[in-house]
Amino acid sequence: QVQLVESGGGLVQPGGSLRLSCAASGSIFSIYLMGWYRQAPGKQRELVAEVTSGGSTKYADSVKGRFTISRDNAKKTVNLQMNSLKPEDTALYYCNTKHPGYSHLEYWGQGTQVTVSS
């Protein structure tokens, strides 16, 4: 049983920063990809950022230069540092982890709300 627990969401003014954290427990191995997705009301869930076991990263174009993803394989954690936040970043953010070779081995957190508003 794999569990992902997110923390760090909240309300922030435009231009502000937030740091999201996700802790994994259970049978998850360092080979797994770890990432963050988000879903705004009325929109599809989209990839925000992803990091491989080796530290290679991928970002949505809309967050490049503003967000930074990092992971700690020993602690089974993944973080998302979000700077220069914009109202359009408002969404429910989900932690995700998946095996790079087996699509059925994918797990989601419960989500944490990020609201960017003045």
N, C-alpha and C. Protein backbone atom coordinates (compact mmCIF):
# COMPACT_ATOMS: atom_id res chain seq x y z
N GLN A 1 0.85 -1.19 0.00
CA GLN A 1 0.00 0.00 0.00
C GLN A 1 0.89 1.24 0.00
N VAL A 2 0.72 2.07 -1.02
CA VAL A 2 1.48 3.31 -1.13
C VAL A 2 0.58 4.48 -0.73
N GLN A 3 1.09 5.33 0.10
CA GLN A 3 0.35 6.54 0.48
C GLN A 3 1.21 7.77 0.22
N LEU A 4 0.58 8.81 -0.29
CA LEU A 4 1.24 10.09 -0.52
C LEU A 4 0.49 11.15 0.28
N VAL A 5 1.21 11.90 1.08
CA VAL A 5 0.59 12.92 1.92
C VAL A 5 1.22 14.27 1.59
N GLU A 6 0.37 15.18 1.09
CA GLU A 6 0.84 16.51 0.71
C GLU A 6 0.63 17.50 1.85
N SER A 7 1.44 18.55 1.82
CA SER A 7 1.27 19.66 2.75
C SER A 7 1.83 20.92 2.11
N GLY A 8 1.44 22.07 2.66
CA GLY A 8 2.04 23.32 2.22
C GLY A 8 1.17 24.22 1.38
N GLY A 9 -0.03 23.79 1.04
CA GLY A 9 -0.90 24.65 0.26
C GLY A 9 -1.43 25.81 1.10
N GLY A 10 -2.13 26.73 0.43
CA GLY A 10 -2.71 27.85 1.16
C GLY A 10 -3.05 29.00 0.25
N LEU A 11 -3.30 30.14 0.88
CA LEU A 11 -3.66 31.37 0.17
C LEU A 11 -2.43 32.28 0.15
N VAL A 12 -2.12 32.80 -1.03
CA VAL A 12 -0.97 33.68 -1.17
C VAL A 12 -1.30 34.78 -2.17
N GLN A 13 -0.69 35.94 -1.98
CA GLN A 13 -0.93 37.04 -2.91
C GLN A 13 -0.12 36.84 -4.18
N PRO A 14 -0.58 37.43 -5.28
CA PRO A 14 0.22 37.36 -6.52
C PRO A 14 1.64 37.86 -6.29
N GLY A 15 2.59 37.12 -6.86
CA GLY A 15 4.00 37.44 -6.66
C GLY A 15 4.62 36.74 -5.48
N GLY A 16 3.80 36.11 -4.65
CA GLY A 16 4.30 35.42 -3.48
C GLY A 16 4.83 34.03 -3.77
N SER A 17 5.20 33.34 -2.70
CA SER A 17 5.79 32.00 -2.82
C SER A 17 5.11 31.02 -1.88
N LEU A 18 5.13 29.77 -2.29
CA LEU A 18 4.68 28.66 -1.45
C LEU A 18 5.58 27.47 -1.73
N ARG A 19 5.69 26.60 -0.75
CA ARG A 19 6.45 25.37 -0.92
C ARG A 19 5.54 24.20 -0.58
N LEU A 20 5.34 23.33 -1.56
CA LEU A 20 4.55 22.12 -1.35
C LEU A 20 5.49 20.95 -1.05
N SER A 21 5.06 20.10 -0.13
CA SER A 21 5.83 18.91 0.21
C SER A 21 4.95 17.68 0.13
N CYS A 22 5.57 16.57 -0.22
CA CYS A 22 4.85 15.31 -0.32
C CYS A 22 5.74 14.21 0.25
N ALA A 23 5.16 13.44 1.16
CA ALA A 23 5.88 12.33 1.76
C ALA A 23 5.21 11.03 1.35
N ALA A 24 6.01 10.10 0.86
CA ALA A 24 5.51 8.81 0.43
C ALA A 24 5.81 7.74 1.46
N SER A 25 4.91 6.80 1.60
CA SER A 25 5.14 5.65 2.47
C SER A 25 4.68 4.41 1.74
N GLY A 26 5.20 3.26 2.15
CA GLY A 26 4.84 2.02 1.51
C GLY A 26 5.90 1.57 0.52
N SER A 27 5.50 0.68 -0.36
CA SER A 27 6.44 0.04 -1.29
C SER A 27 6.70 0.91 -2.51
N ILE A 28 7.44 1.96 -2.29
CA ILE A 28 7.84 2.84 -3.39
C ILE A 28 9.35 2.85 -3.42
N PHE A 29 9.90 2.78 -4.59
CA PHE A 29 11.33 2.69 -4.72
C PHE A 29 11.89 3.91 -5.44
N SER A 30 13.16 4.12 -5.27
CA SER A 30 13.78 5.33 -5.81
C SER A 30 13.68 5.39 -7.33
N ILE A 31 13.43 4.27 -8.01
CA ILE A 31 13.30 4.28 -9.46
C ILE A 31 12.04 5.02 -9.92
N TYR A 32 11.09 5.16 -9.02
CA TYR A 32 9.83 5.79 -9.38
C TYR A 32 10.02 7.26 -9.76
N LEU A 33 9.27 7.71 -10.77
CA LEU A 33 9.13 9.13 -11.05
C LEU A 33 8.30 9.76 -9.94
N MET A 34 8.61 10.99 -9.62
CA MET A 34 7.78 11.73 -8.66
C MET A 34 7.44 13.09 -9.26
N GLY A 35 6.22 13.53 -9.02
CA GLY A 35 5.83 14.78 -9.65
C GLY A 35 4.64 15.44 -9.00
N TRP A 36 4.30 16.58 -9.56
CA TRP A 36 3.15 17.35 -9.12
C TRP A 36 2.26 17.65 -10.32
N TYR A 37 0.97 17.45 -10.13
CA TYR A 37 -0.04 17.81 -11.11
C TYR A 37 -0.98 18.82 -10.46
N ARG A 38 -1.76 19.50 -11.28
CA ARG A 38 -2.75 20.41 -10.73
C ARG A 38 -4.02 20.38 -11.57
N GLN A 39 -5.11 20.73 -10.91
CA GLN A 39 -6.39 20.79 -11.61
C GLN A 39 -7.17 21.99 -11.12
N ALA A 40 -7.45 22.89 -12.03
CA ALA A 40 -8.26 24.06 -11.74
C ALA A 40 -9.71 23.75 -12.05
N PRO A 41 -10.64 24.46 -11.45
CA PRO A 41 -12.06 24.20 -11.71
C PRO A 41 -12.39 24.29 -13.20
N GLY A 42 -13.06 23.27 -13.69
CA GLY A 42 -13.47 23.25 -15.09
C GLY A 42 -12.38 22.89 -16.07
N LYS A 43 -11.20 22.54 -15.55
CA LYS A 43 -10.09 22.20 -16.44
C LYS A 43 -9.60 20.79 -16.16
N GLN A 44 -8.84 20.25 -17.11
CA GLN A 44 -8.27 18.93 -16.94
C GLN A 44 -7.05 18.99 -16.04
N ARG A 45 -6.76 17.89 -15.41
CA ARG A 45 -5.55 17.79 -14.60
C ARG A 45 -4.34 17.86 -15.54
N GLU A 46 -3.34 18.63 -15.12
CA GLU A 46 -2.17 18.80 -15.96
C GLU A 46 -0.89 18.60 -15.16
N LEU A 47 0.15 18.16 -15.86
CA LEU A 47 1.45 18.01 -15.23
C LEU A 47 2.04 19.39 -14.95
N VAL A 48 2.54 19.57 -13.74
CA VAL A 48 3.23 20.81 -13.38
C VAL A 48 4.74 20.59 -13.47
N ALA A 49 5.21 19.54 -12.81
CA ALA A 49 6.65 19.25 -12.80
C ALA A 49 6.85 17.80 -12.41
N GLU A 50 7.96 17.24 -12.91
CA GLU A 50 8.26 15.84 -12.66
C GLU A 50 9.77 15.69 -12.51
N VAL A 51 10.18 14.74 -11.66
CA VAL A 51 11.61 14.51 -11.46
C VAL A 51 11.88 13.01 -11.45
N THR A 52 12.92 12.60 -12.16
CA THR A 52 13.29 11.19 -12.21
C THR A 52 14.14 10.82 -11.00
N SER A 53 14.41 9.54 -10.88
CA SER A 53 15.24 9.08 -9.77
C SER A 53 16.64 9.68 -9.84
N GLY A 54 17.08 9.98 -11.04
CA GLY A 54 18.41 10.55 -11.21
C GLY A 54 18.47 12.05 -11.09
N GLY A 55 17.29 12.67 -10.93
CA GLY A 55 17.26 14.12 -10.76
C GLY A 55 16.93 14.92 -11.99
N SER A 56 16.66 14.26 -13.12
CA SER A 56 16.25 14.99 -14.31
C SER A 56 14.84 15.53 -14.11
N THR A 57 14.62 16.75 -14.57
CA THR A 57 13.34 17.39 -14.33
C THR A 57 12.62 17.77 -15.62
N LYS A 58 11.31 17.89 -15.50
CA LYS A 58 10.47 18.35 -16.60
C LYS A 58 9.43 19.29 -16.01
N TYR A 59 9.18 20.40 -16.71
CA TYR A 59 8.23 21.40 -16.23
C TYR A 59 7.23 21.77 -17.31
N ALA A 60 6.04 22.12 -16.88
CA ALA A 60 5.09 22.73 -17.81
C ALA A 60 5.64 24.09 -18.23
N ASP A 61 5.40 24.47 -19.47
CA ASP A 61 5.91 25.75 -19.96
C ASP A 61 5.45 26.91 -19.09
N SER A 62 4.25 26.80 -18.56
CA SER A 62 3.67 27.91 -17.80
C SER A 62 4.36 28.16 -16.46
N VAL A 63 5.16 27.20 -15.99
CA VAL A 63 5.81 27.37 -14.68
C VAL A 63 7.32 27.42 -14.77
N LYS A 64 7.87 27.22 -15.96
CA LYS A 64 9.33 27.24 -16.11
C LYS A 64 9.89 28.57 -15.63
N GLY A 65 10.98 28.46 -14.86
CA GLY A 65 11.61 29.67 -14.33
C GLY A 65 11.00 30.17 -13.04
N ARG A 66 9.85 29.62 -12.66
CA ARG A 66 9.19 30.07 -11.43
C ARG A 66 9.10 28.95 -10.39
N PHE A 67 8.93 27.72 -10.85
CA PHE A 67 8.78 26.58 -9.95
C PHE A 67 10.03 25.70 -10.01
N THR A 68 10.34 25.08 -8.88
CA THR A 68 11.47 24.15 -8.83
C THR A 68 11.05 22.90 -8.07
N ILE A 69 11.24 21.75 -8.71
CA ILE A 69 10.92 20.48 -8.08
C ILE A 69 12.21 19.82 -7.59
N SER A 70 12.11 19.15 -6.44
CA SER A 70 13.26 18.44 -5.90
C SER A 70 12.77 17.21 -5.16
N ARG A 71 13.65 16.24 -5.01
CA ARG A 71 13.27 15.02 -4.32
C ARG A 71 14.42 14.54 -3.44
N ASP A 72 14.05 13.76 -2.42
CA ASP A 72 15.01 13.12 -1.54
C ASP A 72 14.66 11.64 -1.54
N ASN A 73 15.45 10.84 -2.24
CA ASN A 73 15.14 9.42 -2.38
C ASN A 73 15.18 8.69 -1.04
N ALA A 74 16.10 9.06 -0.19
CA ALA A 74 16.22 8.38 1.10
C ALA A 74 14.99 8.63 1.97
N LYS A 75 14.47 9.84 1.90
CA LYS A 75 13.31 10.20 2.72
C LYS A 75 12.00 9.97 2.00
N LYS A 76 12.06 9.63 0.71
CA LYS A 76 10.85 9.42 -0.10
C LYS A 76 9.98 10.68 -0.09
N THR A 77 10.59 11.80 -0.33
CA THR A 77 9.85 13.05 -0.37
C THR A 77 10.10 13.78 -1.69
N VAL A 78 9.12 14.59 -2.07
CA VAL A 78 9.27 15.45 -3.22
C VAL A 78 8.69 16.81 -2.85
N ASN A 79 9.38 17.86 -3.23
CA ASN A 79 8.96 19.21 -2.91
C ASN A 79 8.77 20.03 -4.19
N LEU A 80 7.92 21.03 -4.08
CA LEU A 80 7.72 21.96 -5.20
C LEU A 80 7.80 23.37 -4.64
N GLN A 81 8.86 24.07 -4.98
CA GLN A 81 9.02 25.46 -4.59
C GLN A 81 8.39 26.32 -5.67
N MET A 82 7.41 27.11 -5.28
CA MET A 82 6.67 27.93 -6.24
C MET A 82 6.90 29.40 -5.93
N ASN A 83 7.51 30.10 -6.86
CA ASN A 83 7.79 31.52 -6.70
C ASN A 83 7.03 32.32 -7.76
N SER A 84 6.94 33.61 -7.53
CA SER A 84 6.28 34.51 -8.48
C SER A 84 4.91 33.97 -8.88
N LEU A 85 4.14 33.58 -7.90
CA LEU A 85 2.85 32.96 -8.16
C LEU A 85 1.88 33.93 -8.82
N LYS A 86 1.05 33.36 -9.70
CA LYS A 86 0.07 34.13 -10.45
C LYS A 86 -1.33 33.60 -10.14
N PRO A 87 -2.35 34.41 -10.34
CA PRO A 87 -3.71 33.92 -10.10
C PRO A 87 -4.04 32.65 -10.90
N GLU A 88 -3.46 32.53 -12.08
CA GLU A 88 -3.73 31.34 -12.90
C GLU A 88 -3.05 30.08 -12.36
N ASP A 89 -2.24 30.21 -11.33
CA ASP A 89 -1.68 29.04 -10.66
C ASP A 89 -2.65 28.44 -9.65
N THR A 90 -3.75 29.12 -9.41
CA THR A 90 -4.74 28.62 -8.47
C THR A 90 -5.30 27.29 -8.93
N ALA A 91 -5.21 26.29 -8.07
CA ALA A 91 -5.66 24.94 -8.42
C ALA A 91 -5.50 24.02 -7.22
N LEU A 92 -6.02 22.82 -7.39
CA LEU A 92 -5.76 21.74 -6.44
C LEU A 92 -4.52 21.00 -6.95
N TYR A 93 -3.49 20.94 -6.12
CA TYR A 93 -2.23 20.34 -6.52
C TYR A 93 -2.12 18.93 -5.95
N TYR A 94 -1.77 18.00 -6.82
CA TYR A 94 -1.68 16.60 -6.44
C TYR A 94 -0.25 16.09 -6.56
N CYS A 95 0.18 15.37 -5.57
CA CYS A 95 1.45 14.65 -5.64
C CYS A 95 1.22 13.34 -6.38
N ASN A 96 2.19 12.95 -7.17
CA ASN A 96 2.06 11.73 -7.98
C ASN A 96 3.39 10.97 -7.97
N THR A 97 3.30 9.65 -7.97
CA THR A 97 4.48 8.85 -8.17
C THR A 97 4.11 7.65 -9.04
N LYS A 98 5.03 7.25 -9.91
CA LYS A 98 4.73 6.14 -10.81
C LYS A 98 6.02 5.45 -11.24
N HIS A 99 5.85 4.15 -11.50
CA HIS A 99 6.96 3.37 -12.01
C HIS A 99 7.15 3.74 -13.48
N PRO A 100 8.37 3.98 -13.93
CA PRO A 100 8.59 4.40 -15.32
C PRO A 100 8.26 3.33 -16.35
N GLY A 101 8.16 2.07 -15.91
CA GLY A 101 7.93 1.01 -16.89
C GLY A 101 6.60 0.30 -16.77
N TYR A 102 5.89 0.49 -15.68
CA TYR A 102 4.63 -0.22 -15.44
C TYR A 102 3.55 0.81 -15.11
N SER A 103 2.65 1.04 -16.05
CA SER A 103 1.65 2.10 -15.89
C SER A 103 0.67 1.85 -14.76
N HIS A 104 0.48 0.58 -14.38
CA HIS A 104 -0.47 0.29 -13.32
C HIS A 104 0.09 0.64 -11.95
N LEU A 105 1.37 0.89 -11.87
CA LEU A 105 2.01 1.26 -10.60
C LEU A 105 2.10 2.79 -10.53
N GLU A 106 0.94 3.41 -10.27
CA GLU A 106 0.85 4.86 -10.19
C GLU A 106 -0.04 5.22 -9.01
N TYR A 107 0.38 6.23 -8.26
CA TYR A 107 -0.32 6.58 -7.03
C TYR A 107 -0.47 8.09 -6.92
N TRP A 108 -1.56 8.50 -6.25
CA TRP A 108 -1.88 9.92 -6.11
C TRP A 108 -2.11 10.29 -4.65
N GLY A 109 -1.75 11.53 -4.32
CA GLY A 109 -2.11 12.07 -3.04
C GLY A 109 -3.54 12.60 -3.07
N GLN A 110 -3.97 13.14 -1.94
CA GLN A 110 -5.35 13.60 -1.83
C GLN A 110 -5.52 15.03 -2.36
N GLY A 111 -4.44 15.72 -2.57
CA GLY A 111 -4.49 17.08 -3.11
C GLY A 111 -4.38 18.14 -2.03
N THR A 112 -3.76 19.24 -2.40
CA THR A 112 -3.66 20.39 -1.50
C THR A 112 -4.00 21.66 -2.31
N GLN A 113 -4.82 22.50 -1.74
CA GLN A 113 -5.31 23.67 -2.46
C GLN A 113 -4.30 24.81 -2.42
N VAL A 114 -4.06 25.39 -3.59
CA VAL A 114 -3.25 26.60 -3.71
C VAL A 114 -4.13 27.67 -4.32
N THR A 115 -4.27 28.78 -3.62
CA THR A 115 -5.07 29.89 -4.11
C THR A 115 -4.20 31.14 -4.14
N VAL A 116 -4.13 31.76 -5.32
CA VAL A 116 -3.34 32.97 -5.51
C VAL A 116 -4.32 34.11 -5.79
N SER A 117 -4.43 34.99 -4.82
CA SER A 117 -5.41 36.07 -4.93
C SER A 117 -5.03 37.22 -4.01
N SER A 118 -5.38 38.42 -4.46
CA SER A 118 -5.15 39.60 -3.64
C SER A 118 -6.38 39.93 -2.81
